[in-house]
């Protein structure tokens, strides 16, 4: 994909768009610190995809990352079920 426009709003956010394909991608680097994790779901609203990046050199954190991703996905399914059933 040839990006026609790249806009960096902050060091943690970048938007890429392509007018020809009418495609817009928003990239967020929300960090993995435990103190920030409660805010993650704020970034998932109207999200069609998720790229989960893990530092595989830090083997001690791999299990923690796996558990956190599973927790987020289960929580998202529960929220969608509640919204869909109301």
N, C-alpha and C. Protein backbone atom coordinates (compact mmCIF):
# COMPACT_ATOMS: atom_id res chain seq x y z
N UNK A 1 0.84 -1.17 0.00
CA UNK A 1 0.00 0.00 0.00
C UNK A 1 0.89 1.24 0.00
N UNK A 2 0.65 2.08 -0.92
CA UNK A 2 1.35 3.36 -0.95
C UNK A 2 0.56 4.35 -0.12
N UNK A 3 1.14 4.85 0.92
CA UNK A 3 0.44 5.79 1.80
C UNK A 3 0.48 7.18 1.19
N UNK A 4 -0.68 7.76 0.96
CA UNK A 4 -0.74 9.13 0.45
C UNK A 4 -0.51 10.14 1.55
N UNK A 5 -0.89 9.80 2.75
CA UNK A 5 -0.73 10.74 3.84
C UNK A 5 -0.39 10.03 5.12
N UNK A 6 0.54 10.57 5.83
CA UNK A 6 0.90 10.05 7.14
C UNK A 6 0.91 11.23 8.09
N UNK A 7 0.14 11.11 9.13
CA UNK A 7 0.03 12.19 10.10
C UNK A 7 0.42 11.67 11.47
N UNK A 8 1.45 12.22 12.06
CA UNK A 8 1.84 11.86 13.41
C UNK A 8 1.28 12.89 14.37
N UNK A 9 0.33 12.47 15.17
CA UNK A 9 -0.29 13.36 16.13
C UNK A 9 0.56 13.42 17.40
N UNK A 10 1.09 12.30 17.78
CA UNK A 10 2.00 12.22 18.93
C UNK A 10 2.93 11.05 18.70
N UNK A 11 3.85 10.84 19.60
CA UNK A 11 4.78 9.72 19.40
C UNK A 11 4.09 8.38 19.58
N UNK A 12 2.87 8.37 20.17
CA UNK A 12 2.14 7.14 20.40
C UNK A 12 0.99 6.91 19.42
N UNK A 13 0.77 7.82 18.49
CA UNK A 13 -0.35 7.71 17.57
C UNK A 13 0.08 8.14 16.18
N UNK A 14 -0.37 7.37 15.19
CA UNK A 14 -0.10 7.74 13.81
C UNK A 14 -1.28 7.32 12.95
N UNK A 15 -1.68 8.17 12.02
CA UNK A 15 -2.75 7.87 11.10
C UNK A 15 -2.18 7.81 9.69
N UNK A 16 -2.57 6.78 8.96
CA UNK A 16 -2.15 6.61 7.57
C UNK A 16 -3.41 6.50 6.73
N UNK A 17 -3.49 7.24 5.62
CA UNK A 17 -4.66 7.14 4.78
C UNK A 17 -4.27 7.05 3.31
N UNK A 18 -5.16 6.45 2.54
CA UNK A 18 -4.99 6.31 1.11
C UNK A 18 -6.33 6.63 0.47
N UNK A 19 -6.43 7.77 -0.19
CA UNK A 19 -7.70 8.23 -0.74
C UNK A 19 -8.19 7.32 -1.86
N UNK A 20 -7.30 6.79 -2.67
CA UNK A 20 -7.71 5.95 -3.79
C UNK A 20 -8.46 4.72 -3.31
N UNK A 21 -7.95 4.07 -2.29
CA UNK A 21 -8.57 2.86 -1.75
C UNK A 21 -9.57 3.17 -0.64
N UNK A 22 -9.72 4.46 -0.31
CA UNK A 22 -10.57 4.89 0.80
C UNK A 22 -10.28 4.08 2.06
N UNK A 23 -9.01 4.04 2.39
CA UNK A 23 -8.53 3.25 3.52
C UNK A 23 -7.88 4.18 4.53
N UNK A 24 -8.25 4.02 5.77
CA UNK A 24 -7.66 4.81 6.85
C UNK A 24 -7.25 3.87 7.96
N UNK A 25 -6.01 3.96 8.37
CA UNK A 25 -5.48 3.14 9.46
C UNK A 25 -5.02 4.05 10.59
N UNK A 26 -5.42 3.72 11.79
CA UNK A 26 -4.96 4.42 12.97
C UNK A 26 -4.08 3.47 13.77
N UNK A 27 -2.89 3.90 14.09
CA UNK A 27 -1.95 3.09 14.87
C UNK A 27 -1.75 3.74 16.22
N UNK A 28 -1.92 2.96 17.28
CA UNK A 28 -1.71 3.44 18.64
C UNK A 28 -0.66 2.57 19.30
N UNK A 29 0.29 3.17 19.92
CA UNK A 29 1.24 2.46 20.78
C UNK A 29 0.82 2.82 22.20
N UNK A 30 0.06 1.92 22.82
CA UNK A 30 -0.52 2.23 24.13
C UNK A 30 0.34 1.76 25.29
N UNK A 31 1.43 1.07 25.01
CA UNK A 31 2.33 0.66 26.08
C UNK A 31 1.79 -0.53 26.85
N UNK A 32 2.67 -1.25 27.49
CA UNK A 32 2.27 -2.46 28.19
C UNK A 32 2.34 -2.40 29.69
N UNK A 33 2.65 -1.25 30.24
CA UNK A 33 2.76 -1.16 31.69
C UNK A 33 1.42 -1.47 32.34
N UNK A 34 1.47 -2.18 33.46
CA UNK A 34 0.23 -2.56 34.13
C UNK A 34 -0.62 -1.36 34.52
N UNK A 35 0.01 -0.24 34.83
CA UNK A 35 -0.75 0.94 35.22
C UNK A 35 -1.57 1.51 34.06
N UNK A 36 -1.21 1.19 32.82
CA UNK A 36 -1.92 1.71 31.64
C UNK A 36 -2.99 0.75 31.11
N UNK A 37 -2.97 -0.49 31.54
CA UNK A 37 -3.83 -1.51 30.93
C UNK A 37 -5.32 -1.25 31.09
N UNK A 38 -5.71 -0.60 32.16
CA UNK A 38 -7.14 -0.33 32.36
C UNK A 38 -7.67 0.64 31.30
N UNK A 39 -6.79 1.36 30.64
CA UNK A 39 -7.20 2.32 29.61
C UNK A 39 -7.25 1.71 28.22
N UNK A 40 -6.74 0.52 28.03
CA UNK A 40 -6.64 -0.07 26.70
C UNK A 40 -7.97 -0.13 25.98
N UNK A 41 -9.03 -0.51 26.68
CA UNK A 41 -10.31 -0.69 25.97
C UNK A 41 -10.81 0.61 25.36
N UNK A 42 -10.34 1.75 25.83
CA UNK A 42 -10.72 3.03 25.24
C UNK A 42 -10.26 3.16 23.80
N UNK A 43 -9.25 2.42 23.42
CA UNK A 43 -8.70 2.48 22.06
C UNK A 43 -9.39 1.49 21.12
N UNK A 44 -10.22 0.59 21.65
CA UNK A 44 -10.83 -0.45 20.84
C UNK A 44 -12.17 -0.09 20.23
N UNK A 45 -12.73 1.05 20.59
CA UNK A 45 -14.04 1.44 20.07
C UNK A 45 -13.97 1.58 18.55
N UNK A 46 -14.89 0.94 17.86
CA UNK A 46 -14.97 0.95 16.39
C UNK A 46 -13.70 0.39 15.75
N UNK A 47 -13.10 -0.57 16.38
CA UNK A 47 -11.86 -1.18 15.87
C UNK A 47 -12.19 -2.45 15.09
N UNK A 48 -11.58 -2.58 13.92
CA UNK A 48 -11.78 -3.76 13.08
C UNK A 48 -10.63 -4.75 13.19
N UNK A 49 -9.53 -4.33 13.78
CA UNK A 49 -8.37 -5.22 13.88
C UNK A 49 -7.45 -4.79 15.01
N UNK A 50 -6.59 -5.70 15.38
CA UNK A 50 -5.65 -5.43 16.46
C UNK A 50 -4.33 -6.11 16.13
N UNK A 51 -3.26 -5.37 16.26
CA UNK A 51 -1.91 -5.95 16.12
C UNK A 51 -1.29 -5.90 17.50
N UNK A 52 -1.02 -7.05 18.03
CA UNK A 52 -0.47 -7.19 19.39
C UNK A 52 1.01 -7.49 19.26
N UNK A 53 1.86 -6.58 19.69
CA UNK A 53 3.31 -6.73 19.55
C UNK A 53 3.90 -7.06 20.91
N UNK A 54 4.72 -8.10 20.94
CA UNK A 54 5.34 -8.56 22.19
C UNK A 54 6.84 -8.66 21.98
N UNK A 55 7.59 -8.18 22.94
CA UNK A 55 9.05 -8.32 22.91
C UNK A 55 9.39 -9.77 23.26
N UNK A 56 9.64 -10.58 22.24
CA UNK A 56 9.87 -12.00 22.47
C UNK A 56 11.21 -12.29 23.14
N UNK A 57 12.07 -11.29 23.22
CA UNK A 57 13.34 -11.48 23.93
C UNK A 57 13.14 -11.51 25.44
N UNK A 58 12.01 -10.99 25.90
CA UNK A 58 11.69 -10.97 27.32
C UNK A 58 10.77 -12.15 27.63
N UNK A 59 11.34 -13.33 27.75
CA UNK A 59 10.56 -14.56 27.91
C UNK A 59 9.70 -14.57 29.17
N UNK A 60 10.12 -13.84 30.19
CA UNK A 60 9.34 -13.80 31.43
C UNK A 60 7.98 -13.13 31.22
N UNK A 61 7.90 -12.24 30.26
CA UNK A 61 6.65 -11.51 30.04
C UNK A 61 5.72 -12.19 29.04
N UNK A 62 6.17 -13.22 28.35
CA UNK A 62 5.33 -13.84 27.33
C UNK A 62 4.04 -14.39 27.92
N UNK A 63 4.13 -15.10 29.03
CA UNK A 63 2.92 -15.66 29.67
C UNK A 63 1.99 -14.54 30.13
N UNK A 64 2.56 -13.47 30.67
CA UNK A 64 1.78 -12.32 31.12
C UNK A 64 1.05 -11.69 29.94
N UNK A 65 1.74 -11.53 28.82
CA UNK A 65 1.14 -10.95 27.62
C UNK A 65 0.00 -11.82 27.09
N UNK A 66 0.22 -13.12 27.10
CA UNK A 66 -0.81 -14.06 26.64
C UNK A 66 -2.07 -13.94 27.50
N UNK A 67 -1.90 -13.93 28.80
CA UNK A 67 -3.04 -13.81 29.72
C UNK A 67 -3.76 -12.48 29.53
N UNK A 68 -3.02 -11.42 29.35
CA UNK A 68 -3.64 -10.10 29.20
C UNK A 68 -4.42 -9.99 27.90
N UNK A 69 -3.89 -10.53 26.82
CA UNK A 69 -4.61 -10.53 25.54
C UNK A 69 -5.88 -11.35 25.65
N UNK A 70 -5.80 -12.52 26.26
CA UNK A 70 -7.00 -13.35 26.44
C UNK A 70 -8.04 -12.62 27.28
N UNK A 71 -7.62 -11.95 28.34
CA UNK A 71 -8.53 -11.20 29.20
C UNK A 71 -9.22 -10.08 28.41
N UNK A 72 -8.47 -9.37 27.59
CA UNK A 72 -9.04 -8.30 26.78
C UNK A 72 -10.07 -8.83 25.77
N UNK A 73 -9.73 -9.93 25.12
CA UNK A 73 -10.63 -10.49 24.12
C UNK A 73 -11.92 -11.01 24.74
N UNK A 74 -11.82 -11.66 25.89
CA UNK A 74 -13.02 -12.14 26.59
C UNK A 74 -13.88 -10.96 27.01
N UNK A 75 -13.26 -9.93 27.54
CA UNK A 75 -13.99 -8.74 27.97
C UNK A 75 -14.70 -8.08 26.78
N UNK A 76 -14.04 -8.02 25.64
CA UNK A 76 -14.63 -7.42 24.45
C UNK A 76 -15.84 -8.23 23.98
N UNK A 77 -15.75 -9.54 24.00
CA UNK A 77 -16.87 -10.40 23.60
C UNK A 77 -18.05 -10.18 24.54
N UNK A 78 -17.78 -10.10 25.84
CA UNK A 78 -18.85 -9.87 26.81
C UNK A 78 -19.54 -8.53 26.57
N UNK A 79 -18.77 -7.51 26.30
CA UNK A 79 -19.35 -6.18 26.04
C UNK A 79 -20.20 -6.22 24.78
N UNK A 80 -19.71 -6.85 23.73
CA UNK A 80 -20.48 -6.94 22.48
C UNK A 80 -21.76 -7.74 22.67
N UNK A 81 -21.70 -8.81 23.49
CA UNK A 81 -22.88 -9.60 23.79
C UNK A 81 -23.93 -8.76 24.53
N UNK A 82 -23.46 -7.96 25.49
CA UNK A 82 -24.39 -7.11 26.25
C UNK A 82 -25.05 -6.07 25.34
N UNK A 83 -24.28 -5.48 24.48
CA UNK A 83 -24.81 -4.47 23.57
C UNK A 83 -25.77 -5.10 22.58
N UNK A 84 -25.41 -6.27 22.08
CA UNK A 84 -26.24 -6.96 21.11
C UNK A 84 -27.55 -7.48 21.67
N UNK A 85 -27.57 -7.76 22.97
CA UNK A 85 -28.78 -8.31 23.60
C UNK A 85 -29.67 -7.25 24.24
N UNK A 86 -29.30 -5.98 24.13
CA UNK A 86 -30.11 -4.95 24.78
C UNK A 86 -31.12 -4.37 23.83
